[in-house]
Amino acid sequence: MVRKSSILVISSHVVSGQVGIKAMLPAFRALKYEAITLQTTMLAAHPAAFPEMGPPAGAPVPAEQMVDMAAWLQSAGAFDHVAAVVSGYLPTPAHVDAVAKIVNDLRSLNRDLVYCCDPICGDNDHLYLLDEVAAALRDKLLPLASVATPNRFELEYLTGGQPITDTQQLVRAARTLNVKHVAVTSAPAPEGRIAAVSVGREVLRCESAKAPSAPHGMGDLFSALYLALKLDDDPKALGIATGTLAAIAGANMETRTLPHGPLALSAPLIQETLVVPEAV
């Protein structure tokens, strides 16, 4: 049996709940990838999980500690089979710098390393990181990325703040990121529907029914699942990722938590191929 490559996961960790790293791991397990995890922050729970309690206990992991751990693991050979890195929640500009260093260090050993940047900075028209963190994501990490997985609000923010109201606007904005593969969630769709669009060599769009409420951690799960499917060169990566998340959202509306059992991949949704000319 040929050993599959490993994926280095750099994101937040919660003690209670299924967001950040804990939301990503089921996707990697489902596709038989080993995940090596590096925490950027450790919180008792997602900030919205227990609103009556106020901000959750916990704090960021010092960025220099992340760099030290990564350097030790690299020296120990733990990264020898790492084919990809995915980064999620990064609380400060120093954490952005730490991820950039780790990615560059790994690329010095493996120039084919895939880096997926999930530029987590906001949602629902609300920026929940400091401007300087979001700017660092844009200026320091997206130029390193092979894959980026913003939601629509994040794409708007990272490309100048103009509202994106249709798919053509979205595709043109995604192209300005200069990332080889951009998969955008919460893309424009008719009332009661939700869409995802991938922009790469070709432009693909998937659409499904929109659940009235969705579990926390869906964006983390999408990024992990899409990355793993792309590493497997699955031509239906967008359709499988979108279909799987649609099924999970529909089944977990009341609890608003991701399931704790094994991740079952759904049949791929129809991937519509779009032709969007470059802006003149």
C-alpha atoms as a PDB file:
ATOM      1  CA  MET A   1       0.000   0.000   0.000  1.00  0.00           C
ATOM      2  CA  VAL A   2       1.397   3.391  -1.029  1.00  0.00           C
ATOM      3  CA  ARG A   3       1.403   5.911   1.796  1.00  0.00           C
ATOM      4  CA  LYS A   4      -0.653   9.022   1.091  1.00  0.00           C
ATOM      5  CA  SER A   5       0.898  12.431   1.606  1.00  0.00           C
ATOM      6  CA  SER A   6       0.326  14.441   4.768  1.00  0.00           C
ATOM      7  CA  ILE A   7      -1.325  17.845   5.149  1.00  0.00           C
ATOM      8  CA  LEU A   8      -0.174  20.476   7.627  1.00  0.00           C
ATOM      9  CA  VAL A   9      -3.235  22.201   9.125  1.00  0.00           C
ATOM     10  CA  ILE A  10      -2.685  25.623  10.727  1.00  0.00           C
ATOM     11  CA  SER A  11      -5.789  27.062  12.354  1.00  0.00           C
ATOM     12  CA  SER A  12      -7.733  27.574  15.557  1.00  0.00           C
ATOM     13  CA  HIS A  13      -8.617  24.875  18.077  1.00  0.00           C
ATOM     14  CA  VAL A  14     -11.701  24.774  20.304  1.00  0.00           C
ATOM     15  CA  VAL A  15     -12.117  22.522  23.327  1.00  0.00           C
ATOM     16  CA  SER A  16     -15.901  22.245  22.829  1.00  0.00           C
ATOM     17  CA  GLY A  17     -17.387  22.167  19.345  1.00  0.00           C
ATOM     18  CA  GLN A  18     -16.424  21.385  15.799  1.00  0.00           C
ATOM     19  CA  VAL A  19     -14.814  24.438  14.212  1.00  0.00           C
ATOM     20  CA  GLY A  20     -11.318  25.286  13.042  1.00  0.00           C
ATOM     21  CA  ILE A  21      -8.989  22.303  13.089  1.00  0.00           C
ATOM     22  CA  LYS A  22     -11.676  20.012  14.509  1.00  0.00           C
ATOM     23  CA  ALA A  23     -13.961  20.811  11.562  1.00  0.00           C
ATOM     24  CA  MET A  24     -11.210  20.072   9.042  1.00  0.00           C
ATOM     25  CA  LEU A  25      -9.984  16.733  10.311  1.00  0.00           C
ATOM     26  CA  PRO A  26     -13.026  14.632   9.247  1.00  0.00           C
ATOM     27  CA  ALA A  27     -12.507  15.723   5.631  1.00  0.00           C
ATOM     28  CA  PHE A  28      -8.882  14.613   5.626  1.00  0.00           C
ATOM     29  CA  ARG A  29      -9.748  11.328   7.316  1.00  0.00           C
ATOM     30  CA  ALA A  30     -12.505  10.657   4.769  1.00  0.00           C
ATOM     31  CA  LEU A  31      -9.946  10.919   1.967  1.00  0.00           C
ATOM     32  CA  LYS A  32      -7.257   9.072   3.943  1.00  0.00           C
ATOM     33  CA  TYR A  33      -4.847  11.966   4.461  1.00  0.00           C
ATOM     34  CA  GLU A  34      -2.813  12.230   7.638  1.00  0.00           C
ATOM     35  CA  ALA A  35      -3.164  15.686   9.186  1.00  0.00           C
ATOM     36  CA  ILE A  36      -0.441  17.354  11.218  1.00  0.00           C
ATOM     37  CA  THR A  37      -2.006  20.143  13.256  1.00  0.00           C
ATOM     38  CA  LEU A  38      -0.562  23.429  14.448  1.00  0.00           C
ATOM     39  CA  GLN A  39      -2.819  25.647  16.565  1.00  0.00           C
ATOM     40  CA  THR A  40      -2.979  29.421  16.103  1.00  0.00           C
ATOM     41  CA  THR A  41      -5.305  29.959  19.043  1.00  0.00           C
ATOM     42  CA  MET A  42      -6.987  27.814  21.680  1.00  0.00           C
ATOM     43  CA  LEU A  43     -10.484  28.715  22.847  1.00  0.00           C
ATOM     44  CA  ALA A  44     -13.008  27.018  25.072  1.00  0.00           C
ATOM     45  CA  ALA A  45     -15.596  27.166  22.260  1.00  0.00           C
ATOM     46  CA  HIS A  46     -16.673  29.087  19.168  1.00  0.00           C
ATOM     47  CA  PRO A  47     -17.544  32.679  20.187  1.00  0.00           C
ATOM     48  CA  ALA A  48     -21.177  32.159  19.118  1.00  0.00           C
ATOM     49  CA  ALA A  49     -21.639  28.788  20.823  1.00  0.00           C
ATOM     50  CA  PHE A  50     -22.507  30.150  24.284  1.00  0.00           C
ATOM     51  CA  PRO A  51     -23.417  33.811  23.702  1.00  0.00           C
ATOM     52  CA  GLU A  52     -24.757  34.248  27.232  1.00  0.00           C
ATOM     53  CA  MET A  53     -21.232  33.603  28.556  1.00  0.00           C
ATOM     54  CA  GLY A  54     -19.536  36.387  26.608  1.00  0.00           C
ATOM     55  CA  PRO A  55     -16.150  35.864  24.913  1.00  0.00           C
ATOM     56  CA  PRO A  56     -14.846  32.313  25.412  1.00  0.00           C
ATOM     57  CA  ALA A  57     -11.874  31.577  27.628  1.00  0.00           C
ATOM     58  CA  GLY A  58      -8.616  31.069  25.800  1.00  0.00           C
ATOM     59  CA  ALA A  59      -5.975  32.986  23.891  1.00  0.00           C
ATOM     60  CA  PRO A  60      -3.782  32.922  20.796  1.00  0.00           C
ATOM     61  CA  VAL A  61      -0.763  30.636  20.729  1.00  0.00           C
ATOM     62  CA  PRO A  62       2.340  32.868  20.488  1.00  0.00           C
ATOM     63  CA  ALA A  63       3.369  33.126  16.846  1.00  0.00           C
ATOM     64  CA  GLU A  64       7.023  32.511  17.684  1.00  0.00           C
ATOM     65  CA  GLN A  65       6.032  29.263  19.386  1.00  0.00           C
ATOM     66  CA  MET A  66       4.321  28.128  16.180  1.00  0.00           C
ATOM     67  CA  VAL A  67       7.483  28.838  14.194  1.00  0.00           C
ATOM     68  CA  ASP A  68       9.641  27.010  16.751  1.00  0.00           C
ATOM     69  CA  MET A  69       7.375  23.948  16.699  1.00  0.00           C
ATOM     70  CA  ALA A  70       7.316  23.868  12.899  1.00  0.00           C
ATOM     71  CA  ALA A  71      11.116  24.153  12.733  1.00  0.00           C
ATOM     72  CA  TRP A  72      11.522  21.312  15.256  1.00  0.00           C
ATOM     73  CA  LEU A  73       9.078  19.077  13.367  1.00  0.00           C
ATOM     74  CA  GLN A  74      10.801  19.822  10.076  1.00  0.00           C
ATOM     75  CA  SER A  75      14.202  18.936  11.574  1.00  0.00           C
ATOM     76  CA  ALA A  76      12.727  15.734  13.003  1.00  0.00           C
ATOM     77  CA  GLY A  77      11.463  14.652   9.583  1.00  0.00           C
ATOM     78  CA  ALA A  78       7.771  14.936  10.497  1.00  0.00           C
ATOM     79  CA  PHE A  79       7.172  17.079   7.409  1.00  0.00           C
ATOM     80  CA  ASP A  80       8.933  14.779   4.959  1.00  0.00           C
ATOM     81  CA  HIS A  81       5.637  13.601   3.440  1.00  0.00           C
ATOM     82  CA  VAL A  82       3.777  16.919   3.632  1.00  0.00           C
ATOM     83  CA  ALA A  83       2.335  17.752   0.221  1.00  0.00           C
ATOM     84  CA  ALA A  84       0.077  20.612   1.286  1.00  0.00           C
ATOM     85  CA  VAL A  85      -0.482  23.256   3.931  1.00  0.00           C
ATOM     86  CA  VAL A  86      -3.853  24.793   4.750  1.00  0.00           C
ATOM     87  CA  SER A  87      -4.195  27.857   6.961  1.00  0.00           C
ATOM     88  CA  GLY A  88      -7.402  29.081   8.559  1.00  0.00           C
ATOM     89  CA  TYR A  89      -7.991  31.484  11.437  1.00  0.00           C
ATOM     90  CA  LEU A  90      -4.994  33.732  12.164  1.00  0.00           C
ATOM     91  CA  PRO A  91      -5.550  36.227  14.983  1.00  0.00           C
ATOM     92  CA  THR A  92      -2.692  38.722  14.448  1.00  0.00           C
ATOM     93  CA  PRO A  93      -0.282  39.934  11.754  1.00  0.00           C
ATOM     94  CA  ALA A  94       2.471  38.015  13.572  1.00  0.00           C
ATOM     95  CA  HIS A  95       0.548  34.778  12.947  1.00  0.00           C
ATOM     96  CA  VAL A  96       0.296  35.678   9.256  1.00  0.00           C
ATOM     97  CA  ASP A  97       4.075  36.161   9.190  1.00  0.00           C
ATOM     98  CA  ALA A  98       4.537  32.813  10.926  1.00  0.00           C
ATOM     99  CA  VAL A  99       2.473  30.996   8.294  1.00  0.00           C
ATOM    100  CA  ALA A 100       4.369  32.714   5.482  1.00  0.00           C
ATOM    101  CA  LYS A 101       7.675  31.571   6.998  1.00  0.00           C
ATOM    102  CA  ILE A 102       6.475  28.001   7.473  1.00  0.00           C
ATOM    103  CA  VAL A 103       5.179  27.777   3.899  1.00  0.00           C
ATOM    104  CA  ASN A 104       8.385  29.240   2.472  1.00  0.00           C
ATOM    105  CA  ASP A 105      10.538  26.915   4.597  1.00  0.00           C
ATOM    106  CA  LEU A 106       8.615  23.877   3.380  1.00  0.00           C
ATOM    107  CA  ARG A 107       8.780  25.070  -0.222  1.00  0.00           C
ATOM    108  CA  SER A 108      12.547  25.296   0.076  1.00  0.00           C
ATOM    109  CA  LEU A 109      12.435  21.491   0.418  1.00  0.00           C
ATOM    110  CA  ASN A 110       9.487  20.809  -1.878  1.00  0.00           C
ATOM    111  CA  ARG A 111       8.808  23.395  -4.545  1.00  0.00           C
ATOM    112  CA  ASP A 112       5.603  21.563  -5.514  1.00  0.00           C
ATOM    113  CA  LEU A 113       4.067  22.096  -2.069  1.00  0.00           C
ATOM    114  CA  VAL A 114       0.410  23.127  -2.350  1.00  0.00           C
ATOM    115  CA  TYR A 115      -0.675  25.939  -0.061  1.00  0.00           C
ATOM    116  CA  CYS A 116      -4.384  26.545   0.548  1.00  0.00           C
ATOM    117  CA  CYS A 117      -5.187  29.888   2.141  1.00  0.00           C
ATOM    118  CA  ASP A 118      -8.612  30.177   3.716  1.00  0.00           C
ATOM    119  CA  PRO A 119      -8.539  33.971   4.303  1.00  0.00           C
ATOM    120  CA  ILE A 120     -10.831  33.942   7.318  1.00  0.00           C
ATOM    121  CA  CYS A 121     -11.612  37.551   8.173  1.00  0.00           C
ATOM    122  CA  GLY A 122     -15.380  38.013   8.075  1.00  0.00           C
ATOM    123  CA  ASP A 123     -18.854  36.939   7.000  1.00  0.00           C
ATOM    124  CA  ASN A 124     -22.379  38.298   6.671  1.00  0.00           C
ATOM    125  CA  ASP A 125     -21.031  41.765   5.785  1.00  0.00           C
ATOM    126  CA  HIS A 126     -19.015  41.881   9.005  1.00  0.00           C
ATOM    127  CA  LEU A 127     -15.221  42.000   9.379  1.00  0.00           C
ATOM    128  CA  TYR A 128     -14.260  40.224  12.594  1.00  0.00           C
ATOM    129  CA  LEU A 129     -10.493  40.630  12.418  1.00  0.00           C
ATOM    130  CA  LEU A 130      -8.502  43.837  12.630  1.00  0.00           C
ATOM    131  CA  ASP A 131      -7.931  45.561   9.287  1.00  0.00           C
ATOM    132  CA  GLU A 132      -4.191  44.971   9.554  1.00  0.00           C
ATOM    133  CA  VAL A 133      -4.700  41.208   9.830  1.00  0.00           C
ATOM    134  CA  ALA A 134      -6.954  41.102   6.784  1.00  0.00           C
ATOM    135  CA  ALA A 135      -4.478  43.281   4.872  1.00  0.00           C
ATOM    136  CA  ALA A 136      -1.631  40.925   5.830  1.00  0.00           C
ATOM    137  CA  LEU A 137      -3.664  37.950   4.574  1.00  0.00           C
ATOM    138  CA  ARG A 138      -4.118  39.752   1.268  1.00  0.00           C
ATOM    139  CA  ASP A 139      -0.570  41.037   0.883  1.00  0.00           C
ATOM    140  CA  LYS A 140       1.529  38.222   2.378  1.00  0.00           C
ATOM    141  CA  LEU A 141      -0.374  34.933   2.147  1.00  0.00           C
ATOM    142  CA  LEU A 142      -2.506  35.101  -0.991  1.00  0.00           C
ATOM    143  CA  PRO A 143       0.623  35.670  -3.164  1.00  0.00           C
ATOM    144  CA  LEU A 144       1.953  32.336  -1.808  1.00  0.00           C
ATOM    145  CA  ALA A 145      -1.291  30.429  -2.289  1.00  0.00           C
ATOM    146  CA  SER A 146      -1.996  27.676  -4.802  1.00  0.00           C
ATOM    147  CA  VAL A 147      -5.626  27.534  -3.637  1.00  0.00           C
ATOM    148  CA  ALA A 148      -7.783  30.139  -1.881  1.00  0.00           C
ATOM    149  CA  THR A 149     -11.231  29.556  -0.393  1.00  0.00           C
ATOM    150  CA  PRO A 150     -12.833  32.893   0.566  1.00  0.00           C
ATOM    151  CA  ASN A 151     -16.522  33.396   1.120  1.00  0.00           C
ATOM    152  CA  ARG A 152     -18.184  36.141  -0.901  1.00  0.00           C
ATOM    153  CA  PHE A 153     -17.763  38.831   1.779  1.00  0.00           C
ATOM    154  CA  GLU A 154     -14.074  37.990   2.170  1.00  0.00           C
ATOM    155  CA  LEU A 155     -13.589  38.165  -1.594  1.00  0.00           C
ATOM    156  CA  GLU A 156     -15.274  41.576  -1.650  1.00  0.00           C
ATOM    157  CA  TYR A 157     -13.084  42.849   1.161  1.00  0.00           C
ATOM    158  CA  LEU A 158      -9.849  41.458  -0.249  1.00  0.00           C
ATOM    159  CA  THR A 159     -10.490  42.946  -3.690  1.00  0.00           C
ATOM    160  CA  GLY A 160     -11.435  46.486  -2.724  1.00  0.00           C
ATOM    161  CA  GLY A 161     -14.758  46.308  -0.945  1.00  0.00           C
ATOM    162  CA  GLN A 162     -17.129  46.613  -3.898  1.00  0.00           C
ATOM    163  CA  PRO A 163     -20.344  44.552  -3.488  1.00  0.00           C
ATOM    164  CA  ILE A 164     -20.485  41.412  -5.636  1.00  0.00           C
ATOM    165  CA  THR A 165     -24.024  40.868  -6.866  1.00  0.00           C
ATOM    166  CA  ASP A 166     -23.646  38.437  -9.744  1.00  0.00           C
ATOM    167  CA  THR A 167     -21.442  35.553 -10.841  1.00  0.00           C
ATOM    168  CA  GLN A 168     -19.551  37.489 -13.510  1.00  0.00           C
ATOM    169  CA  GLN A 169     -18.485  40.106 -10.951  1.00  0.00           C
ATOM    170  CA  LEU A 170     -17.411  37.323  -8.616  1.00  0.00           C
ATOM    171  CA  VAL A 171     -15.291  35.584 -11.250  1.00  0.00           C
ATOM    172  CA  ARG A 172     -13.559  38.789 -12.256  1.00  0.00           C
ATOM    173  CA  ALA A 173     -12.842  39.654  -8.640  1.00  0.00           C
ATOM    174  CA  ALA A 174     -11.464  36.155  -7.983  1.00  0.00           C
ATOM    175  CA  ARG A 175      -9.123  36.474 -10.960  1.00  0.00           C
ATOM    176  CA  THR A 176      -7.571  39.619  -9.470  1.00  0.00           C
ATOM    177  CA  LEU A 177      -6.263  37.535  -6.555  1.00  0.00           C
ATOM    178  CA  ASN A 178      -3.817  35.863  -8.977  1.00  0.00           C
ATOM    179  CA  VAL A 179      -4.261  32.487  -7.267  1.00  0.00           C
ATOM    180  CA  LYS A 180      -4.290  29.361  -9.442  1.00  0.00           C
ATOM    181  CA  HIS A 181      -7.510  27.947  -7.914  1.00  0.00           C
ATOM    182  CA  VAL A 182     -10.056  30.115  -6.103  1.00  0.00           C
ATOM    183  CA  ALA A 183     -13.198  28.479  -4.691  1.00  0.00           C
ATOM    184  CA  VAL A 184     -15.752  30.999  -3.435  1.00  0.00           C
ATOM    185  CA  THR A 185     -18.571  30.011  -1.087  1.00  0.00           C
ATOM    186  CA  SER A 186     -21.824  31.949  -0.496  1.00  0.00           C
ATOM    187  CA  ALA A 187     -21.749  32.993  -4.149  1.00  0.00           C
ATOM    188  CA  PRO A 188     -24.732  34.861  -5.667  1.00  0.00           C
ATOM    189  CA  ALA A 189     -27.747  32.610  -6.171  1.00  0.00           C
ATOM    190  CA  PRO A 190     -31.535  32.940  -6.483  1.00  0.00           C
ATOM    191  CA  GLU A 191     -33.654  33.382  -3.353  1.00  0.00           C
ATOM    192  CA  GLY A 192     -33.595  30.241  -1.231  1.00  0.00           C
ATOM    193  CA  ARG A 193     -30.518  28.870  -2.981  1.00  0.00           C
ATOM    194  CA  ILE A 194     -26.784  28.984  -2.245  1.00  0.00           C
ATOM    195  CA  ALA A 195     -23.883  28.540  -4.650  1.00  0.00           C
ATOM    196  CA  ALA A 196     -20.145  27.933  -4.809  1.00  0.00           C
ATOM    197  CA  VAL A 197     -17.926  28.938  -7.722  1.00  0.00           C
ATOM    198  CA  SER A 198     -14.409  27.736  -8.543  1.00  0.00           C
ATOM    199  CA  VAL A 199     -12.191  29.879 -10.731  1.00  0.00           C
ATOM    200  CA  GLY A 200      -9.160  28.258 -12.303  1.00  0.00           C
ATOM    201  CA  ARG A 201      -8.361  26.951 -15.757  1.00  0.00           C
ATOM    202  CA  GLU A 202     -12.132  26.788 -16.128  1.00  0.00           C
ATOM    203  CA  VAL A 203     -14.977  28.353 -14.165  1.00  0.00           C
ATOM    204  CA  LEU A 204     -17.405  25.972 -12.448  1.00  0.00           C
ATOM    205  CA  ARG A 205     -20.548  26.722 -10.465  1.00  0.00           C
ATOM    206  CA  CYS A 206     -22.663  24.515  -8.177  1.00  0.00           C
ATOM    207  CA  GLU A 207     -25.977  25.430  -6.589  1.00  0.00           C
ATOM    208  CA  SER A 208     -28.104  23.846  -3.866  1.00  0.00           C
ATOM    209  CA  ALA A 209     -31.013  24.652  -1.564  1.00  0.00           C
ATOM    210  CA  LYS A 210     -30.057  27.035   1.245  1.00  0.00           C
ATOM    211  CA  ALA A 211     -30.643  25.871   4.794  1.00  0.00           C
ATOM    212  CA  PRO A 212     -32.219  28.541   7.059  1.00  0.00           C
ATOM    213  CA  SER A 213     -29.298  28.120   9.448  1.00  0.00           C
ATOM    214  CA  ALA A 214     -26.037  26.250   9.067  1.00  0.00           C
ATOM    215  CA  PRO A 215     -23.565  24.743  11.547  1.00  0.00           C
ATOM    216  CA  HIS A 216     -20.540  26.710  12.648  1.00  0.00           C
ATOM    217  CA  GLY A 217     -17.364  25.443  10.989  1.00  0.00           C
ATOM    218  CA  MET A 218     -18.818  24.933   7.507  1.00  0.00           C
ATOM    219  CA  GLY A 219     -16.200  27.169   5.910  1.00  0.00           C
ATOM    220  CA  ASP A 220     -13.379  25.260   7.600  1.00  0.00           C
ATOM    221  CA  LEU A 221     -14.844  21.956   6.437  1.00  0.00           C
ATOM    222  CA  PHE A 222     -15.292  23.199   2.872  1.00  0.00           C
ATOM    223  CA  SER A 223     -11.672  24.361   2.633  1.00  0.00           C
ATOM    224  CA  ALA A 224     -10.344  21.033   3.900  1.00  0.00           C
ATOM    225  CA  LEU A 225     -12.590  18.913   1.715  1.00  0.00           C
ATOM    226  CA  TYR A 226     -11.983  20.959  -1.418  1.00  0.00           C
ATOM    227  CA  LEU A 227      -8.211  20.873  -0.862  1.00  0.00           C
ATOM    228  CA  ALA A 228      -8.131  17.110  -0.292  1.00  0.00           C
ATOM    229  CA  LEU A 229     -10.228  16.470  -3.402  1.00  0.00           C
ATOM    230  CA  LYS A 230      -7.966  18.739  -5.465  1.00  0.00           C
ATOM    231  CA  LEU A 231      -4.906  16.872  -4.169  1.00  0.00           C
ATOM    232  CA  ASP A 232      -6.583  13.706  -5.462  1.00  0.00           C
ATOM    233  CA  ASP A 233      -7.072  15.435  -8.856  1.00  0.00           C
ATOM    234  CA  ASP A 234     -10.812  14.809  -8.591  1.00  0.00           C
ATOM    235  CA  PRO A 235     -12.485  16.713 -11.457  1.00  0.00           C
ATOM    236  CA  LYS A 236     -15.701  16.872  -9.412  1.00  0.00           C
ATOM    237  CA  ALA A 237     -14.068  18.455  -6.360  1.00  0.00           C
ATOM    238  CA  LEU A 238     -16.421  21.444  -6.288  1.00  0.00           C
ATOM    239  CA  GLY A 239     -19.523  19.329  -6.808  1.00  0.00           C
ATOM    240  CA  ILE A 240     -18.614  16.817  -4.085  1.00  0.00           C
ATOM    241  CA  ALA A 241     -17.590  19.485  -1.567  1.00  0.00           C
ATOM    242  CA  THR A 242     -20.690  21.579  -2.195  1.00  0.00           C
ATOM    243  CA  GLY A 243     -23.030  18.587  -2.148  1.00  0.00           C
ATOM    244  CA  THR A 244     -21.540  17.239   1.069  1.00  0.00           C
ATOM    245  CA  LEU A 245     -21.870  20.567   2.866  1.00  0.00           C
ATOM    246  CA  ALA A 246     -25.424  21.047   1.601  1.00  0.00           C
ATOM    247  CA  ALA A 247     -26.390  17.652   3.037  1.00  0.00           C
ATOM    248  CA  ILE A 248     -24.726  18.454   6.370  1.00  0.00           C
ATOM    249  CA  ALA A 249     -26.390  21.875   6.597  1.00  0.00           C
ATOM    250  CA  GLY A 250     -29.800  20.386   5.892  1.00  0.00           C
ATOM    251  CA  ALA A 251     -29.407  17.665   8.508  1.00  0.00           C
ATOM    252  CA  ASN A 252     -28.007  19.844  11.303  1.00  0.00           C
ATOM    253  CA  MET A 253     -30.044  23.050  11.192  1.00  0.00           C
ATOM    254  CA  GLU A 254     -31.357  22.752  14.742  1.00  0.00           C
ATOM    255  CA  THR A 255     -28.125  21.975  16.546  1.00  0.00           C
ATOM    256  CA  ARG A 256     -25.972  24.217  14.321  1.00  0.00           C
ATOM    257  CA  THR A 257     -23.065  21.870  14.996  1.00  0.00           C
ATOM    258  CA  LEU A 258     -21.175  19.636  12.610  1.00  0.00           C
ATOM    259  CA  PRO A 259     -21.735  15.899  13.088  1.00  0.00           C
ATOM    260  CA  HIS A 260     -19.232  14.085  15.305  1.00  0.00           C
ATOM    261  CA  GLY A 261     -19.284  10.818  13.350  1.00  0.00           C
ATOM    262  CA  PRO A 262     -17.335   9.903  10.206  1.00  0.00           C
ATOM    263  CA  LEU A 263     -17.808  12.233   7.243  1.00  0.00           C
ATOM    264  CA  ALA A 264     -19.910  10.702   4.467  1.00  0.00           C
ATOM    265  CA  LEU A 265     -19.213  12.222   1.062  1.00  0.00           C
ATOM    266  CA  SER A 266     -22.298  13.066  -0.989  1.00  0.00           C
ATOM    267  CA  ALA A 267     -22.802  12.494  -4.694  1.00  0.00           C
ATOM    268  CA  PRO A 268     -21.448  15.490  -6.610  1.00  0.00           C
ATOM    269  CA  LEU A 269     -23.800  18.295  -7.524  1.00  0.00           C
ATOM    270  CA  ILE A 270     -23.972  19.304 -11.164  1.00  0.00           C
ATOM    271  CA  GLN A 271     -20.976  21.471 -12.019  1.00  0.00           C
ATOM    272  CA  GLU A 272     -22.084  24.120 -14.503  1.00  0.00           C
ATOM    273  CA  THR A 273     -19.213  25.327 -16.700  1.00  0.00           C
ATOM    274  CA  LEU A 274     -19.273  29.088 -17.231  1.00  0.00           C
ATOM    275  CA  VAL A 275     -17.600  31.336 -19.767  1.00  0.00           C
ATOM    276  CA  VAL A 276     -16.673  34.684 -18.244  1.00  0.00           C
ATOM    277  CA  PRO A 277     -14.480  36.892 -20.472  1.00  0.00           C
ATOM    278  CA  GLU A 278     -11.641  38.802 -18.921  1.00  0.00           C
ATOM    279  CA  ALA A 279     -12.576  42.388 -18.080  1.00  0.00           C
ATOM    280  CA  VAL A 280     -11.481  44.864 -20.727  1.00  0.00           C
END
